[in-house]
Amino acid sequence: MTTLRIATWFSRKLTELKQCQRGNVAMIFGLAIIPIVGLVGVAIDYSRYNSAKTSLQGALDAAALMLSREVSSLSQSELDQKALAYVQANLKQTDLKGLTVTSTYNNASGGELSLHGDASIDTTIASILGVTQMNIADESTIKWGNTKLRVALVLDTTGSMNSAGKMPALKTAAKNLLTQLQSAASNNGDVYVSIVPFSKNVNVGASNYNANWVGWTDWEAEPDILNPTAGGAKPDQNTWYTTSAGSGCPFTSYAQGFGCVSAAQGTTNVSNIPSSGNSSGLICPGRDGGNKISRKIGIIYNGCYNTWTKCVGSNCACSTTNTNICTCSGNGSSKTCQTKPNYYEHTWRPTNTNATYTPALTLNSGVPYATPAHSTWNGCVTDRGTSSGPSNDYDRKVTAPSTGTPASLFPAEQNAYCSPQVMALSYNWTAMKSTIDGLYPDGATNQPIGLVHGWQSLVGGGPFPTPPAKDQNFTYNEVIVLMSDGLNTLDRWYGNGSSTSTSVDKRMYESATVGTCANVKAAGMTIYTVHVNTENGPTSTLLQNCASSPDKFWMVTSGTALNDVFKQIGTELSQLRIAK
């Protein structure tokens, strides 16, 4: 029975008793009225007491959360003053009297703040029994800092992010999330964040070209379609071995997937082989359009074939067994290879090491123009493994790279659609927001490479430095937030950059126990996934399955809704635990 119903019932019965004229009613009424009034008063005042206690508890909780952001910089007197002010500001019940709040702060193992509140309320009808007030006491204790956060933001920066306002929305949402995470840190290092933009590739930074974890085999290789060991072949003999300076380009987009450019890694298409300047006689493949080998779309080849009629040295060789075109004699440093009249040989990325060419190589600071140095790399790497396919799950794990195991290295790839550069774990919030501002949309979608590099950024190794050592007095929550607006279309081995590739998907999630998603979860990390679906396409079951739990997957249908989702994630990540 509610307080209002009790009071109404009591008022009605009291009126009936007062009007009754039967025998002993007045005497009975006189004897009974005092305990009845007292009991009703207790019920009414007890209800008021519970309401006041709930109000005080809520105000103490809110005040403790607010104070946690600044308590480390306050004196005890300042803390007590602010605690009282915050509690008063958050009280929903205003008839409390004599409110006092005492504060206790302990900064061991992070921080613990306790607020104890005392107050009273005046009674109403219960005062008939001599109870004029009821005392209220409550306490709130929060703990923080014993849990530290390390978060990897794995962000899709593919070409499709250029539509429907998604890229500007991502920048706004990501920067707001960073602000939330910064606010959750009482001290530097409480929260670390890494940023891993991805497309088909991940950009680990061109300045790492001397690092021993970079693999250069693919970067230095001639185009597969021209390489016999990769199943390719040169153009027909009448074309290839008669091409020299001034001749027409022997490549076509239709036949090879690319044409010729004016210099190694160049962007200027040419119809004839240069006959003067630094690139004279150099046959330089242009950017691959993927017309013949779809997975090669966007690849920039890092070298040229030179044109020669004679080569002396142990590294010289004819590329054909047709002795009517080229023959070799001698051995060692005296080995001599020479073409027949009107024929020319071509060597991919030639050097002067144990080989002297006629015509001589033209050098750029000691390096042949046909053979660009590693320092010209743009910083992008592709999936770990061998050139022909995945190997030993290097593409799905964070196994340390080893120079003795080429498949474990991070393979450099000069890609025209290279994604923005990653940022390792940091609490430099200004630099992180600048990194977000620098994002741009380009390229195809390879979520597996983004996810595994996000994981790598949290544990270190290869492109990422070893994270700061963990303090045994703290608990560490390691989290990956993976945001993508589409389905997987291309990686090192599979896909064409436009159609969904289930082969790419399976590298990330093959089953609940197989794939990068499973590996990350098994390592004790939490995965949040966000599907930005502005094209009214199907929900990404891949991202759903990859999330650590159903409540950690979101699908939004507009770019602007991304901000709300990131805010929810930020609230979860930065929420302080109320202990009592």
Protein backbone atom coordinates (compact mmCIF):
# COMPACT_ATOMS: atom_id res chain seq x y z
CA MET A 1 0.00 0.00 0.00
CA THR A 2 1.49 3.35 -1.02
CA THR A 3 1.98 6.25 1.37
CA LEU A 4 -0.84 8.21 -0.32
CA ARG A 5 -3.27 5.31 -0.01
CA ILE A 6 -2.37 4.83 3.66
CA ALA A 7 -2.96 8.50 4.37
CA THR A 8 -6.27 8.48 2.48
CA TRP A 9 -7.47 5.37 4.29
CA PHE A 10 -6.47 6.80 7.65
CA SER A 11 -8.23 10.11 6.97
CA ARG A 12 -11.43 8.33 5.96
CA LYS A 13 -11.48 6.08 9.02
CA LEU A 14 -10.71 8.99 11.31
CA THR A 15 -13.72 10.88 9.93
CA GLU A 16 -15.96 7.83 10.42
CA LEU A 17 -14.86 7.42 14.01
CA LYS A 18 -15.40 11.07 14.83
CA GLN A 19 -18.98 10.95 13.49
CA CYS A 20 -19.95 7.65 15.11
CA GLN A 21 -22.42 7.99 18.11
CA ARG A 22 -22.57 4.36 19.25
CA GLY A 23 -21.74 3.36 22.84
CA ASN A 24 -18.07 2.81 23.46
CA VAL A 25 -16.84 4.10 20.14
CA ALA A 26 -15.54 7.39 21.48
CA MET A 27 -13.65 5.73 24.28
CA ILE A 28 -12.21 3.07 21.97
CA PHE A 29 -11.33 5.73 19.45
CA GLY A 30 -9.52 7.73 22.08
CA LEU A 31 -7.47 4.74 23.12
CA ALA A 32 -6.69 3.60 19.58
CA ILE A 33 -5.98 6.90 17.87
CA ILE A 34 -2.49 7.37 19.28
CA PRO A 35 -0.91 4.08 18.06
CA ILE A 36 -2.79 4.30 14.76
CA VAL A 37 -1.52 7.79 14.10
CA GLY A 38 1.97 6.69 15.12
CA LEU A 39 2.01 3.69 12.80
CA VAL A 40 0.77 5.70 9.86
CA GLY A 41 3.32 8.39 10.61
CA VAL A 42 6.11 5.84 10.69
CA ALA A 43 5.02 4.48 7.29
CA ILE A 44 4.89 7.94 5.77
CA ASP A 45 8.19 9.05 7.22
CA TYR A 46 9.93 5.78 6.41
CA SER A 47 8.98 6.27 2.78
CA ARG A 48 10.44 9.78 2.91
CA TYR A 49 13.58 8.37 4.54
CA ASN A 50 14.11 5.83 1.75
CA SER A 51 13.63 8.50 -0.89
CA ALA A 52 16.13 10.77 0.83
CA LYS A 53 18.67 7.96 1.23
CA THR A 54 18.40 7.08 -2.47
CA SER A 55 18.87 10.72 -3.38
CA LEU A 56 21.94 11.01 -1.15
CA GLN A 57 23.47 7.81 -2.57
CA GLY A 58 23.03 9.02 -6.14
CA ALA A 59 24.51 12.41 -5.31
CA LEU A 60 27.53 10.79 -3.63
CA ASP A 61 28.10 8.51 -6.65
CA ALA A 62 27.88 11.40 -9.10
CA ALA A 63 30.16 13.60 -6.98
CA ALA A 64 32.76 10.85 -6.66
CA LEU A 65 32.86 10.33 -10.42
CA MET A 66 33.22 14.06 -11.03
CA LEU A 67 35.96 14.42 -8.42
CA SER A 68 37.96 11.48 -9.76
CA ARG A 69 39.11 13.64 -12.68
CA GLU A 70 40.77 16.21 -10.44
CA VAL A 71 41.28 14.67 -7.01
CA SER A 72 45.02 14.11 -7.48
CA SER A 73 45.58 17.87 -7.73
CA LEU A 74 43.42 18.90 -4.74
CA SER A 75 44.37 19.50 -1.13
CA GLN A 76 42.24 17.80 1.53
CA SER A 77 40.36 21.00 2.33
CA GLU A 78 39.73 21.66 -1.37
CA LEU A 79 38.56 18.09 -1.80
CA ASP A 80 36.11 18.37 1.12
CA GLN A 81 34.74 21.68 -0.16
CA LYS A 82 34.25 20.40 -3.69
CA ALA A 83 32.77 17.14 -2.48
CA LEU A 84 30.10 18.99 -0.49
CA ALA A 85 29.36 21.33 -3.40
CA TYR A 86 29.07 18.47 -5.91
CA VAL A 87 26.80 16.45 -3.61
CA GLN A 88 24.54 19.46 -3.02
CA ALA A 89 24.38 20.13 -6.76
CA ASN A 90 23.34 16.54 -7.50
CA LEU A 91 20.76 16.08 -4.73
CA LYS A 92 17.28 15.48 -6.07
CA GLN A 93 15.69 15.86 -2.63
CA THR A 94 16.02 19.29 -1.03
CA ASP A 95 14.59 18.74 2.48
CA LEU A 96 17.77 17.18 3.86
CA LYS A 97 19.19 19.03 6.84
CA GLY A 98 22.64 19.24 8.33
CA LEU A 99 24.37 17.73 5.29
CA THR A 100 28.05 16.96 5.83
CA VAL A 101 30.40 15.15 3.46
CA THR A 102 33.79 13.72 4.36
CA SER A 103 36.32 12.58 1.75
CA THR A 104 39.08 10.01 1.80
CA TYR A 105 41.51 9.67 -1.10
CA ASN A 106 44.08 6.89 -1.50
CA ASN A 107 46.36 7.00 -4.54
CA ALA A 108 47.95 3.59 -4.06
CA SER A 109 47.66 1.29 -7.11
CA GLY A 110 45.92 3.96 -9.08
CA GLY A 111 43.31 5.70 -6.98
CA GLU A 112 40.41 5.20 -4.59
CA LEU A 113 38.05 7.91 -3.46
CA SER A 114 35.44 7.47 -0.73
CA LEU A 115 32.75 10.02 0.08
CA HIS A 116 30.71 9.66 3.28
CA GLY A 117 27.55 11.71 3.64
CA ASP A 118 25.48 12.43 6.77
CA ALA A 119 22.17 14.29 6.91
CA SER A 120 18.75 14.17 8.51
CA ILE A 121 15.11 14.81 7.68
CA ASP A 122 12.39 16.10 9.98
CA THR A 123 9.55 13.70 10.62
CA THR A 124 5.90 14.60 10.14
CA ILE A 125 3.25 12.51 11.87
CA ALA A 126 5.84 10.23 13.53
CA SER A 127 6.76 13.15 15.79
CA ILE A 128 3.65 12.20 17.82
CA LEU A 129 5.71 9.25 19.04
CA GLY A 130 8.56 11.57 19.98
CA VAL A 131 10.65 10.90 16.85
CA THR A 132 11.34 14.37 15.46
CA GLN A 133 14.05 13.53 12.93
CA MET A 134 15.62 10.60 11.11
CA ASN A 135 19.36 10.41 10.47
CA ILE A 136 20.70 9.31 7.09
CA ALA A 137 24.21 8.09 6.32
CA ASP A 138 25.61 6.71 3.09
CA GLU A 139 28.91 6.19 1.30
CA SER A 140 30.25 5.89 -2.23
CA THR A 141 33.65 4.46 -3.11
CA ILE A 142 35.09 4.40 -6.59
CA LYS A 143 38.32 2.87 -7.77
CA TRP A 144 40.20 3.81 -10.90
CA GLY A 145 43.66 3.57 -12.27
CA ASN A 146 43.97 -0.05 -11.19
CA THR A 147 42.70 -0.66 -14.71
CA LYS A 148 44.68 0.84 -17.56
CA LEU A 149 43.64 0.99 -21.19
CA ARG A 150 45.50 0.25 -24.38
CA VAL A 151 43.35 0.83 -27.44
CA ALA A 152 44.05 0.27 -31.15
CA LEU A 153 41.84 2.25 -33.53
CA VAL A 154 41.80 0.25 -36.77
CA LEU A 155 40.17 2.52 -39.33
CA ASP A 156 39.05 1.81 -42.88
CA THR A 157 40.44 4.50 -45.21
CA THR A 158 39.50 2.84 -48.50
CA GLY A 159 38.16 4.70 -51.52
CA SER A 160 34.53 4.07 -50.61
CA MET A 161 35.00 6.18 -47.48
CA ASN A 162 34.98 9.16 -49.84
CA SER A 163 31.20 8.86 -50.31
CA ALA A 164 28.18 9.79 -48.17
CA GLY A 165 30.26 12.08 -45.95
CA LYS A 166 31.88 9.10 -44.25
CA MET A 167 35.46 10.36 -44.06
CA PRO A 168 34.60 13.71 -42.42
CA ALA A 169 32.25 11.86 -40.06
CA LEU A 170 35.01 9.39 -39.17
CA LYS A 171 37.42 12.20 -38.36
CA THR A 172 34.90 13.89 -36.08
CA ALA A 173 33.94 10.66 -34.34
CA ALA A 174 37.53 9.49 -33.87
CA LYS A 175 38.70 12.81 -32.44
CA ASN A 176 35.75 12.91 -30.05
CA LEU A 177 36.59 9.37 -28.95
CA LEU A 178 40.18 10.44 -28.32
CA THR A 179 38.89 13.29 -26.15
CA GLN A 180 36.85 10.81 -24.12
CA LEU A 181 39.81 8.51 -23.67
CA GLN A 182 42.04 11.41 -22.68
CA SER A 183 39.50 12.41 -20.01
CA ALA A 184 39.58 8.86 -18.66
CA ALA A 185 43.30 9.17 -17.90
CA SER A 186 44.19 10.66 -14.54
CA ASN A 187 47.89 10.45 -15.38
CA ASN A 188 49.98 10.13 -18.53
CA GLY A 189 50.16 6.49 -19.49
CA ASP A 190 46.83 5.47 -17.96
CA VAL A 191 45.48 5.28 -21.51
CA TYR A 192 47.54 4.53 -24.62
CA VAL A 193 46.08 4.62 -28.13
CA SER A 194 47.45 3.48 -31.48
CA ILE A 195 45.97 4.40 -34.86
CA VAL A 196 46.06 1.92 -37.75
CA PRO A 197 44.50 3.16 -41.00
CA PHE A 198 44.20 0.44 -43.62
CA SER A 199 43.19 -0.25 -47.20
CA LYS A 200 44.74 -3.17 -49.10
CA ASN A 201 47.96 -2.21 -47.31
CA VAL A 202 49.13 -0.69 -44.08
CA ASN A 203 51.61 2.19 -44.16
CA VAL A 204 54.27 1.56 -41.50
CA GLY A 205 56.40 4.56 -42.45
CA ALA A 206 58.89 5.03 -45.28
CA SER A 207 61.63 5.98 -42.82
CA ASN A 208 61.89 2.31 -41.81
CA TYR A 209 63.53 1.28 -45.10
CA ASN A 210 66.67 0.12 -43.29
CA ALA A 211 64.76 -2.00 -40.75
CA ASN A 212 65.61 -5.69 -40.74
CA TRP A 213 61.94 -6.69 -40.49
CA VAL A 214 61.12 -5.37 -43.97
CA GLY A 215 61.04 -7.92 -46.80
CA TRP A 216 62.11 -6.65 -50.22
CA THR A 217 61.58 -9.68 -52.47
CA ASP A 218 58.26 -8.56 -53.95
CA TRP A 219 59.25 -4.89 -54.01
CA GLU A 220 62.33 -5.62 -56.14
CA ALA A 221 60.69 -8.24 -58.36
CA GLU A 222 59.93 -7.70 -62.02
CA PRO A 223 56.24 -7.94 -62.97
CA ASP A 224 54.92 -11.48 -62.53
CA ILE A 225 53.46 -11.44 -66.02
CA LEU A 226 56.99 -10.96 -67.44
CA ASN A 227 58.76 -13.31 -65.01
CA PRO A 228 59.11 -16.93 -66.22
CA THR A 229 59.69 -18.18 -62.65
CA ALA A 230 56.30 -16.70 -61.68
CA GLY A 231 54.54 -18.24 -64.67
CA GLY A 232 54.94 -15.21 -66.91
CA ALA A 233 56.79 -14.57 -70.15
CA LYS A 234 58.40 -11.73 -72.04
CA PRO A 235 56.72 -10.36 -75.17
CA ASP A 236 57.46 -12.35 -78.33
CA GLN A 237 61.11 -12.51 -79.38
CA ASN A 238 60.67 -10.31 -82.42
CA THR A 239 59.40 -7.56 -80.15
CA TRP A 240 61.40 -7.98 -76.96
CA TYR A 241 64.86 -8.60 -78.37
CA THR A 242 64.61 -5.88 -80.99
CA THR A 243 63.47 -3.18 -78.56
CA SER A 244 66.01 -0.45 -77.85
CA ALA A 245 66.18 3.30 -77.25
CA GLY A 246 63.58 5.00 -79.43
CA SER A 247 61.59 1.81 -80.10
CA GLY A 248 57.92 1.53 -79.29
CA CYS A 249 56.89 0.39 -75.82
CA PRO A 250 56.69 -3.45 -75.82
CA PHE A 251 53.95 -3.45 -73.16
CA THR A 252 50.24 -2.76 -73.44
CA SER A 253 47.47 -2.55 -70.89
CA TYR A 254 45.66 -5.27 -72.81
CA ALA A 255 48.56 -7.75 -72.96
CA GLN A 256 50.48 -7.05 -69.74
CA GLY A 257 48.17 -4.84 -67.66
CA PHE A 258 50.47 -1.81 -67.93
CA GLY A 259 52.35 0.32 -70.42
CA CYS A 260 55.69 2.13 -70.22
CA VAL A 261 56.67 5.16 -68.16
CA SER A 262 59.51 7.61 -68.56
CA ALA A 263 61.48 6.43 -65.51
CA ALA A 264 61.45 3.83 -62.75
CA GLN A 265 58.42 4.39 -60.46
CA GLY A 266 57.37 7.13 -62.87
CA THR A 267 53.89 8.43 -63.56
CA THR A 268 54.43 9.81 -67.08
CA ASN A 269 53.29 7.33 -69.70
CA VAL A 270 55.39 7.07 -72.87
CA SER A 271 54.76 5.31 -76.16
CA ASN A 272 58.48 5.01 -77.02
CA ILE A 273 61.52 3.98 -75.02
CA PRO A 274 63.51 7.12 -74.01
CA SER A 275 66.49 7.71 -76.30
CA SER A 276 68.19 10.46 -74.28
CA GLY A 277 68.71 11.57 -70.72
CA ASN A 278 69.07 9.45 -67.60
CA SER A 279 66.47 6.92 -68.75
CA SER A 280 67.88 6.38 -72.22
CA GLY A 281 67.28 2.78 -73.26
CA LEU A 282 65.37 1.93 -70.07
CA ILE A 283 62.17 -0.08 -70.45
CA CYS A 284 60.15 0.88 -67.36
CA PRO A 285 56.80 -0.83 -66.59
CA GLY A 286 54.06 1.59 -65.57
CA ARG A 287 51.51 1.28 -62.79
CA ASP A 288 49.57 -1.97 -63.02
CA GLY A 289 45.89 -1.53 -63.81
CA GLY A 290 44.99 -5.09 -62.84
CA ASN A 291 43.69 -5.90 -66.34
CA LYS A 292 45.65 -9.15 -66.58
CA ILE A 293 46.38 -10.04 -62.94
CA SER A 294 43.60 -8.43 -60.93
CA ARG A 295 45.37 -8.66 -57.57
CA LYS A 296 48.16 -6.47 -58.98
CA ILE A 297 45.94 -3.42 -59.38
CA GLY A 298 47.74 -0.31 -58.18
CA ILE A 299 51.19 -1.91 -58.00
CA ILE A 300 54.11 0.33 -58.94
CA TYR A 301 57.13 -1.62 -60.20
CA ASN A 302 60.42 -0.53 -58.70
CA GLY A 303 62.82 -0.88 -61.55
CA CYS A 304 63.43 -0.91 -65.27
CA TYR A 305 65.05 -3.21 -67.81
CA ASN A 306 68.21 -1.75 -69.31
CA THR A 307 69.14 -2.27 -72.95
CA TRP A 308 72.55 -3.76 -73.72
CA THR A 309 74.54 -5.42 -76.44
CA LYS A 310 77.45 -6.60 -74.30
CA CYS A 311 77.99 -7.51 -70.66
CA VAL A 312 81.27 -8.53 -69.01
CA GLY A 313 81.40 -10.11 -65.53
CA SER A 314 80.30 -13.12 -63.52
CA ASN A 315 76.73 -11.80 -63.11
CA CYS A 316 76.14 -11.47 -66.84
CA ALA A 317 73.68 -13.79 -68.55
CA CYS A 318 71.52 -14.09 -71.64
CA SER A 319 67.81 -14.30 -70.92
CA THR A 320 67.20 -16.51 -73.96
CA THR A 321 68.60 -19.83 -75.04
CA ASN A 322 68.37 -18.76 -78.68
CA THR A 323 72.02 -18.46 -79.71
CA ASN A 324 70.97 -16.48 -82.77
CA ILE A 325 70.11 -13.67 -80.35
CA CYS A 326 72.66 -13.86 -77.50
CA THR A 327 75.64 -15.99 -76.51
CA CYS A 328 78.03 -16.08 -73.54
CA SER A 329 81.63 -17.26 -73.29
CA GLY A 330 84.27 -17.49 -70.61
CA ASN A 331 83.64 -17.55 -66.87
CA GLY A 332 84.19 -15.58 -63.70
CA SER A 333 85.14 -11.97 -64.17
CA SER A 334 86.02 -12.71 -67.81
CA LYS A 335 82.57 -14.01 -68.67
CA THR A 336 81.28 -12.15 -71.71
CA CYS A 337 77.73 -12.14 -73.06
CA GLN A 338 76.99 -10.46 -76.37
CA THR A 339 74.01 -10.07 -78.66
CA LYS A 340 73.99 -10.66 -82.38
CA PRO A 341 73.64 -7.64 -84.68
CA ASN A 342 70.26 -5.89 -84.51
CA TYR A 343 69.33 -7.68 -81.28
CA TYR A 344 69.32 -6.35 -77.72
CA GLU A 345 69.25 -7.92 -74.28
CA HIS A 346 67.49 -6.51 -71.23
CA THR A 347 68.22 -7.02 -67.52
CA TRP A 348 65.78 -6.17 -64.73
CA ARG A 349 67.21 -3.83 -62.05
CA PRO A 350 70.80 -4.11 -63.33
CA THR A 351 73.74 -3.19 -61.12
CA ASN A 352 77.46 -2.72 -61.66
CA THR A 353 78.21 -5.57 -59.27
CA ASN A 354 80.25 -8.08 -61.30
CA ALA A 355 78.70 -6.79 -64.51
CA THR A 356 79.81 -4.06 -66.90
CA TYR A 357 77.27 -3.18 -69.55
CA THR A 358 77.50 -1.66 -72.98
CA PRO A 359 75.89 0.88 -73.15
CA ALA A 360 77.01 1.73 -69.62
CA LEU A 361 74.49 2.19 -66.82
CA THR A 362 73.58 5.78 -65.98
CA LEU A 363 73.97 6.36 -62.25
CA ASN A 364 72.14 8.51 -59.72
CA SER A 365 74.47 9.09 -56.74
CA GLY A 366 76.10 5.76 -57.49
CA VAL A 367 72.81 3.89 -58.00
CA PRO A 368 71.60 3.01 -61.51
CA TYR A 369 68.48 4.87 -62.57
CA ALA A 370 67.10 1.46 -63.55
CA THR A 371 67.45 0.23 -59.96
CA PRO A 372 65.73 2.52 -57.41
CA ALA A 373 67.07 2.35 -53.86
CA HIS A 374 64.98 1.09 -50.94
CA SER A 375 64.87 4.67 -49.70
CA THR A 376 62.33 5.41 -52.45
CA TRP A 377 59.78 3.08 -50.81
CA ASN A 378 56.51 4.80 -49.83
CA GLY A 379 56.13 2.88 -46.56
CA CYS A 380 53.34 0.44 -47.41
CA VAL A 381 53.52 -3.25 -46.52
CA THR A 382 51.22 -6.05 -47.57
CA ASP A 383 50.22 -9.34 -45.93
CA ARG A 384 52.96 -11.51 -44.45
CA GLY A 385 53.62 -14.86 -46.09
CA THR A 386 55.20 -15.99 -49.35
CA SER A 387 54.66 -14.41 -52.74
CA SER A 388 52.39 -17.29 -53.72
CA GLY A 389 50.21 -17.48 -50.61
CA PRO A 390 49.87 -17.40 -46.80
CA SER A 391 52.45 -19.34 -44.81
CA ASN A 392 52.45 -20.56 -41.19
CA ASP A 393 49.70 -18.10 -40.29
CA TYR A 394 52.15 -15.18 -40.34
CA ASP A 395 49.34 -13.11 -41.87
CA ARG A 396 47.00 -13.94 -38.96
CA LYS A 397 49.36 -13.80 -36.00
CA VAL A 398 51.89 -11.45 -34.41
CA THR A 399 54.81 -13.87 -34.65
CA ALA A 400 58.12 -12.03 -34.41
CA PRO A 401 59.75 -11.50 -37.82
CA SER A 402 63.05 -13.25 -38.49
CA THR A 403 65.54 -12.44 -41.23
CA GLY A 404 66.13 -16.17 -41.61
CA THR A 405 62.46 -16.74 -42.43
CA PRO A 406 61.48 -14.49 -45.35
CA ALA A 407 57.76 -15.35 -45.01
CA SER A 408 57.77 -13.84 -41.51
CA LEU A 409 58.99 -10.43 -42.71
CA PHE A 410 56.71 -7.51 -43.49
CA PRO A 411 56.77 -7.31 -47.31
CA ALA A 412 57.28 -3.85 -48.76
CA GLU A 413 54.88 -3.00 -51.57
CA GLN A 414 54.92 0.16 -53.65
CA ASN A 415 51.20 0.68 -54.07
CA ALA A 416 49.56 3.68 -55.70
CA TYR A 417 46.77 3.45 -53.11
CA CYS A 418 49.01 3.41 -50.06
CA SER A 419 47.03 4.17 -46.91
CA PRO A 420 47.89 6.91 -44.36
CA GLN A 421 50.72 6.12 -41.96
CA VAL A 422 50.09 4.28 -38.69
CA MET A 423 50.78 5.77 -35.28
CA ALA A 424 52.18 3.54 -32.54
CA LEU A 425 50.81 3.49 -28.98
CA SER A 426 50.94 6.97 -27.52
CA TYR A 427 49.30 9.39 -25.13
CA ASN A 428 50.23 12.41 -27.25
CA TRP A 429 46.63 13.41 -27.84
CA THR A 430 47.50 16.37 -30.04
CA ALA A 431 49.60 14.21 -32.37
CA MET A 432 46.88 11.57 -32.49
CA LYS A 433 44.26 14.10 -33.54
CA SER A 434 46.64 15.41 -36.20
CA THR A 435 47.00 11.85 -37.49
CA ILE A 436 43.21 11.57 -37.69
CA ASP A 437 43.01 14.89 -39.54
CA GLY A 438 45.50 13.52 -42.08
CA LEU A 439 43.39 10.51 -43.06
CA TYR A 440 42.33 10.24 -46.70
CA PRO A 441 40.24 7.69 -48.63
CA ASP A 442 41.91 5.50 -51.26
CA GLY A 443 42.27 1.87 -52.24
CA ALA A 444 40.52 -1.47 -51.76
CA THR A 445 39.43 -3.21 -48.55
CA ASN A 446 41.59 -5.70 -46.64
CA GLN A 447 40.23 -5.85 -43.09
CA PRO A 448 42.51 -8.77 -42.10
CA ILE A 449 45.67 -6.70 -42.52
CA GLY A 450 44.18 -3.85 -40.51
CA LEU A 451 43.12 -6.14 -37.67
CA VAL A 452 46.42 -7.99 -37.39
CA HIS A 453 48.39 -4.73 -37.44
CA GLY A 454 46.09 -3.31 -34.76
CA TRP A 455 46.94 -6.35 -32.67
CA GLN A 456 50.63 -5.96 -33.50
CA SER A 457 50.51 -2.34 -32.33
CA LEU A 458 49.36 -3.50 -28.88
CA VAL A 459 52.05 -6.14 -28.40
CA GLY A 460 54.92 -4.64 -30.41
CA GLY A 461 57.26 -6.24 -32.90
CA GLY A 462 58.11 -5.50 -36.51
CA PRO A 463 56.86 -2.01 -37.38
CA PHE A 464 55.74 -1.28 -33.82
CA PRO A 465 57.94 -0.59 -30.80
CA THR A 466 57.69 -2.71 -27.68
CA PRO A 467 54.90 -1.24 -25.52
CA PRO A 468 55.74 0.16 -22.09
CA ALA A 469 56.17 -2.56 -19.48
CA LYS A 470 53.04 -3.47 -17.55
CA ASP A 471 52.92 -2.73 -13.83
CA GLN A 472 51.82 -5.80 -11.86
CA ASN A 473 49.76 -3.57 -9.58
CA PHE A 474 47.42 -2.74 -12.44
CA THR A 475 44.97 -4.56 -14.67
CA TYR A 476 45.32 -3.82 -18.38
CA ASN A 477 42.41 -3.83 -20.80
CA GLU A 478 43.63 -4.20 -24.38
CA VAL A 479 41.05 -3.30 -26.97
CA ILE A 480 40.78 -3.13 -30.76
CA VAL A 481 38.11 -0.96 -32.36
CA LEU A 482 37.73 -2.07 -35.99
CA MET A 483 35.66 0.23 -38.23
CA SER A 484 34.95 -0.55 -41.88
CA ASP A 485 32.38 0.60 -44.41
CA GLY A 486 32.46 -2.37 -46.72
CA LEU A 487 33.32 -5.94 -47.53
CA ASN A 488 36.76 -7.36 -48.27
CA THR A 489 37.82 -7.07 -51.90
CA LEU A 490 41.61 -7.42 -52.17
CA ASP A 491 44.73 -8.61 -50.40
CA ARG A 492 48.18 -9.78 -51.45
CA TRP A 493 46.88 -13.01 -52.99
CA TYR A 494 43.12 -12.79 -53.53
CA GLY A 495 40.47 -10.47 -54.94
CA ASN A 496 40.19 -7.83 -57.62
CA GLY A 497 39.56 -4.66 -55.63
CA SER A 498 35.86 -4.39 -56.46
CA SER A 499 34.03 -7.67 -55.77
CA THR A 500 33.73 -9.31 -52.37
CA SER A 501 36.36 -11.99 -51.80
CA THR A 502 35.48 -14.78 -49.37
CA SER A 503 39.13 -15.88 -49.53
CA VAL A 504 40.11 -12.59 -47.93
CA ASP A 505 37.30 -12.97 -45.38
CA LYS A 506 38.46 -16.41 -44.29
CA ARG A 507 41.88 -15.13 -43.36
CA MET A 508 40.15 -13.00 -40.75
CA TYR A 509 37.32 -15.31 -39.70
CA GLU A 510 37.21 -18.90 -40.88
CA SER A 511 35.41 -20.19 -37.82
CA ALA A 512 34.97 -19.30 -34.17
CA THR A 513 38.38 -20.84 -33.49
CA VAL A 514 40.29 -20.17 -36.72
CA GLY A 515 41.39 -16.81 -38.09
CA THR A 516 42.77 -13.50 -36.90
CA CYS A 517 39.62 -12.69 -34.91
CA ALA A 518 39.93 -15.92 -32.94
CA ASN A 519 43.65 -15.36 -32.40
CA VAL A 520 43.09 -11.85 -31.01
CA LYS A 521 40.39 -13.06 -28.63
CA ALA A 522 42.54 -15.98 -27.50
CA ALA A 523 45.23 -13.45 -26.59
CA GLY A 524 42.78 -11.89 -24.10
CA MET A 525 41.94 -8.79 -26.10
CA THR A 526 38.51 -7.30 -26.72
CA ILE A 527 37.29 -6.52 -30.23
CA TYR A 528 34.67 -3.87 -31.00
CA THR A 529 33.51 -3.79 -34.62
CA VAL A 530 31.55 -1.12 -36.47
CA HIS A 531 30.00 -1.55 -39.93
CA VAL A 532 29.21 1.74 -41.66
CA ASN A 533 26.59 0.57 -44.15
CA THR A 534 25.44 3.58 -46.17
CA GLU A 535 24.62 1.58 -49.30
CA ASN A 536 21.77 -0.43 -47.74
CA GLY A 537 23.82 -3.57 -48.26
CA PRO A 538 23.67 -6.70 -46.13
CA THR A 539 24.93 -6.60 -42.57
CA SER A 540 28.55 -7.69 -42.35
CA THR A 541 28.34 -11.08 -40.65
CA LEU A 542 32.13 -11.09 -40.77
CA LEU A 543 32.33 -8.06 -38.48
CA GLN A 544 29.48 -9.44 -36.34
CA ASN A 545 31.32 -12.70 -35.81
CA CYS A 546 34.62 -10.95 -35.20
CA ALA A 547 33.29 -8.83 -32.33
CA SER A 548 33.99 -10.21 -28.86
CA SER A 549 30.25 -10.34 -28.10
CA PRO A 550 27.01 -9.33 -29.84
CA ASP A 551 26.82 -6.07 -27.89
CA LYS A 552 30.23 -5.06 -29.24
CA PHE A 553 29.08 -4.94 -32.86
CA TRP A 554 27.31 -1.94 -34.36
CA MET A 555 25.93 -1.25 -37.80
CA VAL A 556 25.13 2.33 -38.75
CA THR A 557 23.51 3.50 -41.97
CA SER A 558 24.94 7.01 -42.08
CA GLY A 559 28.32 8.56 -41.51
CA THR A 560 26.97 10.94 -38.88
CA ALA A 561 25.69 8.03 -36.77
CA LEU A 562 29.30 6.91 -36.38
CA ASN A 563 29.85 9.63 -33.80
CA ASP A 564 27.13 8.21 -31.53
CA VAL A 565 28.60 4.72 -31.76
CA PHE A 566 32.13 5.89 -31.01
CA LYS A 567 30.72 7.83 -28.07
CA GLN A 568 29.12 4.66 -26.70
CA ILE A 569 32.38 2.79 -27.11
CA GLY A 570 34.26 5.62 -25.43
CA THR A 571 31.84 5.62 -22.52
CA GLU A 572 32.30 1.88 -22.05
CA LEU A 573 36.06 2.12 -22.22
CA SER A 574 36.37 5.07 -19.86
CA GLN A 575 33.66 4.11 -17.37
CA LEU A 576 34.96 4.03 -13.81
CA ARG A 577 33.83 1.17 -11.62
CA ILE A 578 31.74 2.13 -8.59
CA ALA A 579 32.88 -0.19 -5.83
CA LYS A 580 30.24 0.56 -3.15
